[in-house]
Amino acid sequence: MSDPFAVAHRPSTSALVSYNNRRNQTQRRDALESRHHYSGAAACRLPFAADHPARIDRTADGVVRGLLCPRCRVGISTFRDDLDNLRAAVAYLTSCRLEQL
């Protein structure tokens, strides 16, 4: 038999969604304040706007690193936060550019 007290005091789904939204807004504000000197995405440096929104970037542990646009966030996550993979991509792009000259 289930405990009716536990069920009666369980937060509703809408309350949890509301809590998560407030938490994300707080984290976004904190990330913006910590990077107040820069008003664009950390990787592409384009300014945030309605068509170029700010997204929270977190480490695998959930710690907020900063703000990225959706494209930068996908790009970094594609390389799985691995600097060696990113360096290899930069080397590839550099070699292609040099070949075109």
N, C-alpha and C. Protein backbone atom coordinates (compact mmCIF):
# COMPACT_ATOMS: atom_id res chain seq x y z
N MET A 1 0.85 -1.18 0.00
CA MET A 1 0.00 0.00 0.00
C MET A 1 0.89 1.24 0.00
N SER A 2 0.57 2.21 -0.86
CA SER A 2 1.39 3.41 -0.96
C SER A 2 1.10 4.37 0.18
N ASP A 3 2.05 5.23 0.42
CA ASP A 3 1.93 6.22 1.49
C ASP A 3 1.19 7.45 0.96
N PRO A 4 -0.06 7.69 1.39
CA PRO A 4 -0.83 8.82 0.87
C PRO A 4 -0.19 10.17 1.20
N PHE A 5 0.54 10.26 2.29
CA PHE A 5 1.19 11.51 2.67
C PHE A 5 2.26 11.89 1.64
N ALA A 6 3.03 10.90 1.19
CA ALA A 6 4.09 11.17 0.22
C ALA A 6 3.51 11.64 -1.11
N VAL A 7 2.40 11.05 -1.54
CA VAL A 7 1.78 11.42 -2.80
C VAL A 7 1.16 12.82 -2.69
N ALA A 8 0.54 13.12 -1.58
CA ALA A 8 -0.13 14.41 -1.40
C ALA A 8 0.86 15.56 -1.38
N HIS A 9 2.10 15.33 -0.98
CA HIS A 9 3.08 16.41 -0.86
C HIS A 9 4.14 16.38 -1.96
N ARG A 10 3.91 15.58 -2.97
CA ARG A 10 4.82 15.55 -4.12
C ARG A 10 4.57 16.78 -4.97
N PRO A 11 5.63 17.52 -5.38
CA PRO A 11 5.39 18.71 -6.20
C PRO A 11 4.79 18.35 -7.55
N SER A 12 3.94 19.22 -8.05
CA SER A 12 3.31 18.98 -9.34
C SER A 12 4.34 19.16 -10.45
N THR A 13 4.03 18.61 -11.61
CA THR A 13 4.92 18.75 -12.77
C THR A 13 5.09 20.21 -13.13
N SER A 14 4.01 20.99 -13.07
CA SER A 14 4.11 22.41 -13.42
C SER A 14 4.98 23.15 -12.42
N ALA A 15 4.96 22.75 -11.15
CA ALA A 15 5.83 23.38 -10.14
C ALA A 15 7.29 23.07 -10.44
N LEU A 16 7.58 21.84 -10.85
CA LEU A 16 8.96 21.47 -11.18
C LEU A 16 9.44 22.22 -12.42
N VAL A 17 8.58 22.35 -13.43
CA VAL A 17 8.93 23.08 -14.64
C VAL A 17 9.20 24.54 -14.29
N SER A 18 8.35 25.11 -13.46
CA SER A 18 8.52 26.51 -13.04
C SER A 18 9.84 26.68 -12.30
N TYR A 19 10.17 25.74 -11.40
CA TYR A 19 11.43 25.80 -10.66
C TYR A 19 12.61 25.72 -11.63
N ASN A 20 12.57 24.79 -12.58
CA ASN A 20 13.67 24.65 -13.54
C ASN A 20 13.82 25.89 -14.40
N ASN A 21 12.71 26.51 -14.81
CA ASN A 21 12.79 27.73 -15.60
C ASN A 21 13.44 28.85 -14.80
N ARG A 22 13.04 29.00 -13.54
CA ARG A 22 13.65 30.04 -12.69
C ARG A 22 15.14 29.77 -12.49
N ARG A 23 15.49 28.51 -12.29
CA ARG A 23 16.90 28.15 -12.09
C ARG A 23 17.70 28.47 -13.34
N ASN A 24 17.18 28.13 -14.53
CA ASN A 24 17.88 28.42 -15.78
C ASN A 24 18.01 29.92 -16.00
N GLN A 25 16.96 30.68 -15.67
CA GLN A 25 17.04 32.13 -15.82
C GLN A 25 18.10 32.70 -14.89
N THR A 26 18.19 32.18 -13.67
CA THR A 26 19.20 32.64 -12.72
C THR A 26 20.59 32.30 -13.23
N GLN A 27 20.78 31.09 -13.74
CA GLN A 27 22.09 30.70 -14.26
C GLN A 27 22.47 31.53 -15.47
N ARG A 28 21.51 31.81 -16.35
CA ARG A 28 21.78 32.64 -17.52
C ARG A 28 22.18 34.05 -17.09
N ARG A 29 21.44 34.61 -16.12
CA ARG A 29 21.76 35.95 -15.62
C ARG A 29 23.16 35.97 -15.01
N ASP A 30 23.47 34.94 -14.20
CA ASP A 30 24.80 34.87 -13.58
C ASP A 30 25.89 34.77 -14.63
N ALA A 31 25.65 33.97 -15.66
CA ALA A 31 26.64 33.83 -16.73
C ALA A 31 26.81 35.16 -17.47
N LEU A 32 25.70 35.85 -17.70
CA LEU A 32 25.78 37.16 -18.37
C LEU A 32 26.54 38.16 -17.51
N GLU A 33 26.26 38.17 -16.22
CA GLU A 33 26.93 39.11 -15.33
C GLU A 33 28.42 38.82 -15.24
N SER A 34 28.79 37.55 -15.25
CA SER A 34 30.21 37.21 -15.16
C SER A 34 30.95 37.54 -16.45
N ARG A 35 30.21 37.69 -17.53
CA ARG A 35 30.82 38.00 -18.82
C ARG A 35 30.26 39.33 -19.35
N HIS A 36 29.98 40.26 -18.42
CA HIS A 36 29.33 41.51 -18.80
C HIS A 36 30.14 42.32 -19.80
N HIS A 37 31.43 42.09 -19.86
CA HIS A 37 32.29 42.83 -20.79
C HIS A 37 32.14 42.35 -22.23
N TYR A 38 31.44 41.24 -22.41
CA TYR A 38 31.31 40.67 -23.74
C TYR A 38 29.85 40.35 -24.01
N SER A 39 29.29 40.87 -25.07
CA SER A 39 27.85 40.74 -25.29
C SER A 39 27.49 39.73 -26.38
N GLY A 40 28.44 38.91 -26.80
CA GLY A 40 28.16 37.94 -27.83
C GLY A 40 28.56 36.54 -27.42
N ALA A 41 28.33 35.60 -28.32
CA ALA A 41 28.69 34.20 -28.05
C ALA A 41 30.20 34.08 -27.88
N ALA A 42 30.61 33.27 -26.95
CA ALA A 42 32.02 33.15 -26.62
C ALA A 42 32.85 32.60 -27.78
N ALA A 43 32.26 31.80 -28.65
CA ALA A 43 33.03 31.19 -29.73
C ALA A 43 32.97 32.00 -31.03
N CYS A 44 31.77 32.33 -31.50
CA CYS A 44 31.66 33.03 -32.79
C CYS A 44 31.72 34.55 -32.63
N ARG A 45 31.52 35.03 -31.43
CA ARG A 45 31.58 36.46 -31.09
C ARG A 45 30.50 37.31 -31.74
N LEU A 46 29.48 36.68 -32.31
CA LEU A 46 28.35 37.43 -32.85
C LEU A 46 27.48 37.89 -31.69
N PRO A 47 26.93 39.09 -31.77
CA PRO A 47 26.09 39.57 -30.67
C PRO A 47 24.80 38.76 -30.55
N PHE A 48 24.34 38.61 -29.33
CA PHE A 48 23.09 37.90 -29.10
C PHE A 48 21.93 38.77 -29.58
N ALA A 49 20.93 38.14 -30.15
CA ALA A 49 19.74 38.82 -30.63
C ALA A 49 18.61 37.80 -30.66
N ALA A 50 17.43 38.24 -31.08
CA ALA A 50 16.28 37.33 -31.13
C ALA A 50 16.56 36.14 -32.04
N ASP A 51 17.25 36.37 -33.16
CA ASP A 51 17.57 35.27 -34.07
C ASP A 51 18.93 34.64 -33.77
N HIS A 52 19.59 35.11 -32.73
CA HIS A 52 20.90 34.58 -32.31
C HIS A 52 20.91 34.58 -30.78
N PRO A 53 20.10 33.67 -30.17
CA PRO A 53 19.88 33.72 -28.72
C PRO A 53 21.05 33.18 -27.91
N ALA A 54 21.11 33.60 -26.66
CA ALA A 54 22.11 33.11 -25.72
C ALA A 54 21.65 31.79 -25.14
N ARG A 55 22.56 30.84 -25.08
CA ARG A 55 22.29 29.54 -24.46
C ARG A 55 23.37 29.28 -23.42
N ILE A 56 22.98 28.68 -22.33
CA ILE A 56 23.94 28.37 -21.27
C ILE A 56 24.80 27.20 -21.70
N ASP A 57 26.12 27.35 -21.54
CA ASP A 57 27.06 26.26 -21.81
C ASP A 57 27.52 25.71 -20.47
N ARG A 58 27.40 24.41 -20.30
CA ARG A 58 27.78 23.76 -19.05
C ARG A 58 28.83 22.69 -19.29
N THR A 59 29.61 22.43 -18.25
CA THR A 59 30.54 21.30 -18.30
C THR A 59 29.73 20.02 -18.14
N ALA A 60 30.40 18.88 -18.27
CA ALA A 60 29.72 17.60 -18.09
C ALA A 60 29.17 17.47 -16.67
N ASP A 61 29.78 18.20 -15.72
CA ASP A 61 29.33 18.17 -14.33
C ASP A 61 28.18 19.13 -14.06
N GLY A 62 27.79 19.92 -15.08
CA GLY A 62 26.68 20.85 -14.91
C GLY A 62 27.08 22.25 -14.47
N VAL A 63 28.39 22.52 -14.38
CA VAL A 63 28.85 23.84 -13.98
C VAL A 63 28.75 24.78 -15.19
N VAL A 64 28.18 25.96 -14.97
CA VAL A 64 28.02 26.93 -16.06
C VAL A 64 29.39 27.49 -16.45
N ARG A 65 29.70 27.38 -17.77
CA ARG A 65 30.96 27.92 -18.30
C ARG A 65 30.77 29.30 -18.88
N GLY A 66 29.61 29.52 -19.47
CA GLY A 66 29.37 30.81 -20.11
C GLY A 66 28.18 30.71 -21.02
N LEU A 67 28.14 31.62 -22.00
CA LEU A 67 27.02 31.68 -22.93
C LEU A 67 27.51 31.46 -24.35
N LEU A 68 26.76 30.65 -25.07
CA LEU A 68 27.05 30.37 -26.47
C LEU A 68 25.77 30.52 -27.27
N CYS A 69 25.91 30.74 -28.56
CA CYS A 69 24.73 30.69 -29.43
C CYS A 69 24.47 29.21 -29.73
N PRO A 70 23.29 28.89 -30.25
CA PRO A 70 22.98 27.48 -30.53
C PRO A 70 24.00 26.81 -31.46
N ARG A 71 24.47 27.51 -32.50
CA ARG A 71 25.44 26.90 -33.43
C ARG A 71 26.75 26.57 -32.73
N CYS A 72 27.26 27.52 -31.95
CA CYS A 72 28.52 27.29 -31.24
C CYS A 72 28.37 26.13 -30.25
N ARG A 73 27.23 26.10 -29.59
CA ARG A 73 26.99 25.05 -28.60
C ARG A 73 26.99 23.67 -29.26
N VAL A 74 26.34 23.57 -30.42
CA VAL A 74 26.32 22.30 -31.14
C VAL A 74 27.72 21.95 -31.62
N GLY A 75 28.45 22.94 -32.15
CA GLY A 75 29.80 22.68 -32.64
C GLY A 75 30.72 22.16 -31.56
N ILE A 76 30.69 22.81 -30.41
CA ILE A 76 31.56 22.38 -29.31
C ILE A 76 31.14 21.00 -28.81
N SER A 77 29.85 20.77 -28.70
CA SER A 77 29.40 19.46 -28.21
C SER A 77 29.70 18.35 -29.21
N THR A 78 29.73 18.70 -30.51
CA THR A 78 30.07 17.70 -31.52
C THR A 78 31.49 17.17 -31.32
N PHE A 79 32.38 18.06 -30.87
CA PHE A 79 33.76 17.65 -30.61
C PHE A 79 33.93 17.11 -29.19
N ARG A 80 32.83 16.98 -28.47
CA ARG A 80 32.81 16.40 -27.12
C ARG A 80 33.77 17.07 -26.15
N ASP A 81 33.90 18.39 -26.28
CA ASP A 81 34.77 19.18 -25.39
C ASP A 81 36.22 18.69 -25.41
N ASP A 82 36.62 18.04 -26.47
CA ASP A 82 37.98 17.48 -26.57
C ASP A 82 38.87 18.44 -27.36
N LEU A 83 39.86 19.01 -26.68
CA LEU A 83 40.75 19.98 -27.32
C LEU A 83 41.55 19.38 -28.46
N ASP A 84 41.92 18.12 -28.35
CA ASP A 84 42.67 17.48 -29.44
C ASP A 84 41.82 17.39 -30.71
N ASN A 85 40.54 17.07 -30.55
CA ASN A 85 39.64 17.03 -31.72
C ASN A 85 39.48 18.43 -32.32
N LEU A 86 39.35 19.42 -31.47
CA LEU A 86 39.22 20.80 -31.97
C LEU A 86 40.50 21.25 -32.68
N ARG A 87 41.64 20.92 -32.11
CA ARG A 87 42.92 21.28 -32.76
C ARG A 87 43.05 20.60 -34.12
N ALA A 88 42.63 19.34 -34.20
CA ALA A 88 42.69 18.61 -35.46
C ALA A 88 41.77 19.28 -36.49
N ALA A 89 40.61 19.75 -36.06
CA ALA A 89 39.69 20.44 -36.98
C ALA A 89 40.31 21.76 -37.46
N VAL A 90 40.93 22.49 -36.55
CA VAL A 90 41.60 23.75 -36.94
C VAL A 90 42.73 23.47 -37.91
N ALA A 91 43.53 22.43 -37.65
CA ALA A 91 44.63 22.07 -38.55
C ALA A 91 44.09 21.70 -39.93
N TYR A 92 43.00 20.97 -39.96
CA TYR A 92 42.38 20.60 -41.23
C TYR A 92 41.94 21.83 -42.01
N LEU A 93 41.22 22.73 -41.35
CA LEU A 93 40.74 23.94 -42.01
C LEU A 93 41.91 24.81 -42.47
N THR A 94 42.95 24.89 -41.67
CA THR A 94 44.13 25.68 -42.02
C THR A 94 44.82 25.09 -43.24
N SER A 95 44.97 23.77 -43.28
CA SER A 95 45.64 23.14 -44.42
C SER A 95 44.83 23.32 -45.70
N CYS A 96 43.51 23.25 -45.58
CA CYS A 96 42.65 23.47 -46.77
C CYS A 96 42.78 24.89 -47.27
N ARG A 97 42.85 25.83 -46.36
CA ARG A 97 42.97 27.23 -46.74
C ARG A 97 44.33 27.48 -47.42
N LEU A 98 45.38 26.89 -46.89
CA LEU A 98 46.72 27.08 -47.47
C LEU A 98 46.79 26.48 -48.86
N GLU A 99 46.11 25.34 -49.09
CA GLU A 99 46.11 24.71 -50.40
C GLU A 99 45.42 25.57 -51.44
N GLN A 100 44.44 26.36 -51.00
CA GLN A 100 43.70 27.20 -51.94
C GLN A 100 44.49 28.44 -52.36
N LEU A 101 45.50 28.81 -51.60
CA LEU A 101 46.29 30.01 -51.93
C LEU A 101 47.23 29.78 -53.06
